[in-house]
N, C-alpha and C. Protein backbone atom coordinates (compact mmCIF):
# COMPACT_ATOMS: atom_id res chain seq x y z
N UNK A 1 0.67 -1.29 -0.22
CA UNK A 1 0.07 0.08 -0.25
C UNK A 1 0.67 1.29 -0.30
N UNK A 2 0.42 2.41 -0.93
CA UNK A 2 1.27 3.19 -1.14
C UNK A 2 1.06 4.22 0.28
N UNK A 3 2.07 5.07 0.55
CA UNK A 3 2.18 5.91 1.76
C UNK A 3 1.26 6.66 2.12
N UNK A 4 1.05 7.47 0.66
CA UNK A 4 -0.19 8.58 1.07
C UNK A 4 -1.32 8.21 0.58
N UNK A 5 -1.96 9.08 1.22
CA UNK A 5 -3.66 8.27 1.24
C UNK A 5 -4.78 10.01 1.04
N UNK A 6 -5.53 9.49 0.95
CA UNK A 6 -6.42 9.96 0.14
C UNK A 6 -7.12 11.12 1.11
N UNK A 7 -8.15 12.14 0.94
CA UNK A 7 -9.08 12.45 1.53
C UNK A 7 -9.99 11.69 1.81
N UNK A 8 -10.56 11.34 0.60
CA UNK A 8 -11.33 9.95 0.71
C UNK A 8 -11.43 9.15 1.30
N UNK A 9 -10.03 8.43 1.36
CA UNK A 9 -9.84 6.95 2.30
C UNK A 9 -9.80 7.16 3.62
N UNK A 10 -8.74 8.47 3.28
CA UNK A 10 -8.64 8.87 4.96
C UNK A 10 -10.11 8.99 6.07
N UNK A 11 -10.96 9.41 5.13
CA UNK A 11 -12.37 9.04 5.39
C UNK A 11 -12.90 8.21 5.56
N UNK A 12 -12.81 6.90 5.12
CA UNK A 12 -13.38 5.58 5.22
C UNK A 12 -12.66 5.06 6.73
N UNK A 13 -11.29 5.09 6.48
CA UNK A 13 -10.40 5.04 7.37
C UNK A 13 -10.80 5.25 9.02
N UNK A 14 -11.28 6.72 9.16
CA UNK A 14 -12.04 6.67 10.56
C UNK A 14 -13.42 6.29 10.50
N UNK A 15 -13.80 6.46 9.35
CA UNK A 15 -15.10 5.78 9.49
C UNK A 15 -15.01 4.30 10.27
N UNK A 16 -13.96 3.41 10.10
CA UNK A 16 -13.83 2.12 10.19
C UNK A 16 -13.47 2.20 11.77
N UNK A 17 -13.00 2.95 11.83
CA UNK A 17 -12.04 3.11 13.52
C UNK A 17 -12.87 3.47 14.38
N UNK A 18 -14.01 4.58 14.15
CA UNK A 18 -15.20 4.84 15.14
C UNK A 18 -15.62 4.13 15.25
N UNK A 19 -16.33 3.14 13.84
CA UNK A 19 -17.39 1.95 13.91
C UNK A 19 -16.66 0.60 15.39
N UNK A 20 -15.36 0.26 15.19
CA UNK A 20 -14.51 -0.24 15.86
C UNK A 20 -14.45 -0.27 17.10
N UNK A 21 -14.66 1.58 17.39
CA UNK A 21 -14.04 1.82 19.15
C UNK A 21 -15.72 1.62 19.26
N UNK A 22 -17.12 1.93 18.48
CA UNK A 22 -17.64 2.06 18.95
C UNK A 22 -18.66 0.92 19.29
N UNK A 23 -17.97 -0.13 18.70
CA UNK A 23 -18.68 -1.97 18.87
C UNK A 23 -17.80 -2.50 20.26
N UNK A 24 -16.32 -1.78 20.59
CA UNK A 24 -15.65 -2.46 21.65
C UNK A 24 -16.39 -1.45 22.92
N UNK A 25 -16.57 -0.53 22.73
CA UNK A 25 -17.78 0.38 24.09
C UNK A 25 -18.70 -0.29 24.45
N UNK A 26 -19.22 -0.67 23.21
CA UNK A 26 -20.68 -0.99 23.72
C UNK A 26 -20.32 -2.48 24.28
N UNK A 27 -19.66 -2.69 23.87
CA UNK A 27 -19.60 -4.20 24.16
C UNK A 27 -19.07 -4.27 25.88
N UNK A 28 -17.67 -3.35 26.52
CA UNK A 28 -18.04 -3.21 27.47
C UNK A 28 -16.23 -3.00 28.17
N UNK A 29 -15.56 -3.50 26.52
CA UNK A 29 -14.30 -3.35 26.65
C UNK A 29 -13.91 -2.16 27.69
N UNK A 30 -12.40 -2.14 27.98
CA UNK A 30 -11.22 -1.25 28.67
C UNK A 30 -11.17 0.04 27.98
N UNK A 31 -11.10 1.15 28.57
CA UNK A 31 -10.72 2.20 27.73
C UNK A 31 -9.52 2.21 26.80
N UNK A 32 -8.55 1.76 27.96
CA UNK A 32 -7.19 1.82 27.04
C UNK A 32 -7.38 0.73 25.87
N UNK A 33 -7.81 -0.62 25.59
CA UNK A 33 -8.11 -0.96 25.03
C UNK A 33 -8.41 -0.59 23.79
N UNK A 34 -9.39 0.14 23.70
CA UNK A 34 -10.17 0.56 22.56
C UNK A 34 -9.01 1.62 21.99
N UNK A 35 -8.96 2.69 22.53
CA UNK A 35 -7.89 2.99 22.25
C UNK A 35 -6.47 3.06 21.30
N UNK A 36 -6.34 1.96 22.11
CA UNK A 36 -4.92 0.53 21.39
C UNK A 36 -5.34 0.61 20.40
N UNK A 37 -6.42 -0.57 20.31
CA UNK A 37 -7.19 -1.02 18.30
C UNK A 37 -7.63 -0.30 17.84
N UNK A 38 -7.97 1.41 18.19
CA UNK A 38 -8.46 2.22 17.45
C UNK A 38 -6.45 2.59 16.67
N UNK A 39 -5.94 3.10 17.36
CA UNK A 39 -4.40 3.67 16.82
C UNK A 39 -4.54 2.92 15.83
N UNK A 40 -4.35 0.60 16.33
CA UNK A 40 -3.18 0.22 15.27
C UNK A 40 -4.47 -0.44 14.48
N UNK A 41 -5.50 -0.20 14.52
CA UNK A 41 -6.01 0.46 12.66
C UNK A 41 -6.03 1.38 11.79
N UNK A 42 -5.75 2.17 12.78
CA UNK A 42 -5.48 3.49 11.82
C UNK A 42 -4.10 3.73 11.33
N UNK A 43 -3.02 2.66 11.90
CA UNK A 43 -2.19 3.25 12.18
C UNK A 43 -1.45 2.14 11.10
N UNK A 44 -1.98 1.24 10.71
CA UNK A 44 -2.13 0.01 9.76
C UNK A 44 -2.95 0.17 8.41
N UNK A 45 -3.43 1.51 8.38
CA UNK A 45 -3.98 2.23 7.18
C UNK A 45 -3.27 3.24 6.97
N UNK A 46 -2.10 3.68 7.66
CA UNK A 46 -1.62 4.76 7.39
C UNK A 46 -1.29 6.26 7.60
N UNK A 47 -2.56 6.13 8.77
CA UNK A 47 -2.71 7.06 9.71
C UNK A 47 -2.18 7.43 10.86
N UNK A 48 -0.69 7.94 10.86
CA UNK A 48 -0.29 7.84 12.53
C UNK A 48 -0.17 8.88 12.55
N UNK A 49 -0.84 10.30 12.28
CA UNK A 49 -1.21 11.33 13.09
C UNK A 49 -2.52 11.09 14.07
N UNK A 50 -2.68 10.16 14.73
CA UNK A 50 -3.02 9.86 15.60
C UNK A 50 -3.51 10.32 17.23
N UNK A 51 -4.41 10.66 17.94
CA UNK A 51 -4.07 10.62 19.35
C UNK A 51 -5.08 9.86 20.20
């Protein structure tokens, strides 16, 4: 996968990250695990400036 990511692709990745976070939150996961999972998903798709 290329290091550059388009705005449309970036928005799709953000949507996936948020959906994953919501699913984990609703399932009762611990906050630090939710944050870690969301960051890992974002990083795997090339979004490295996440907080």
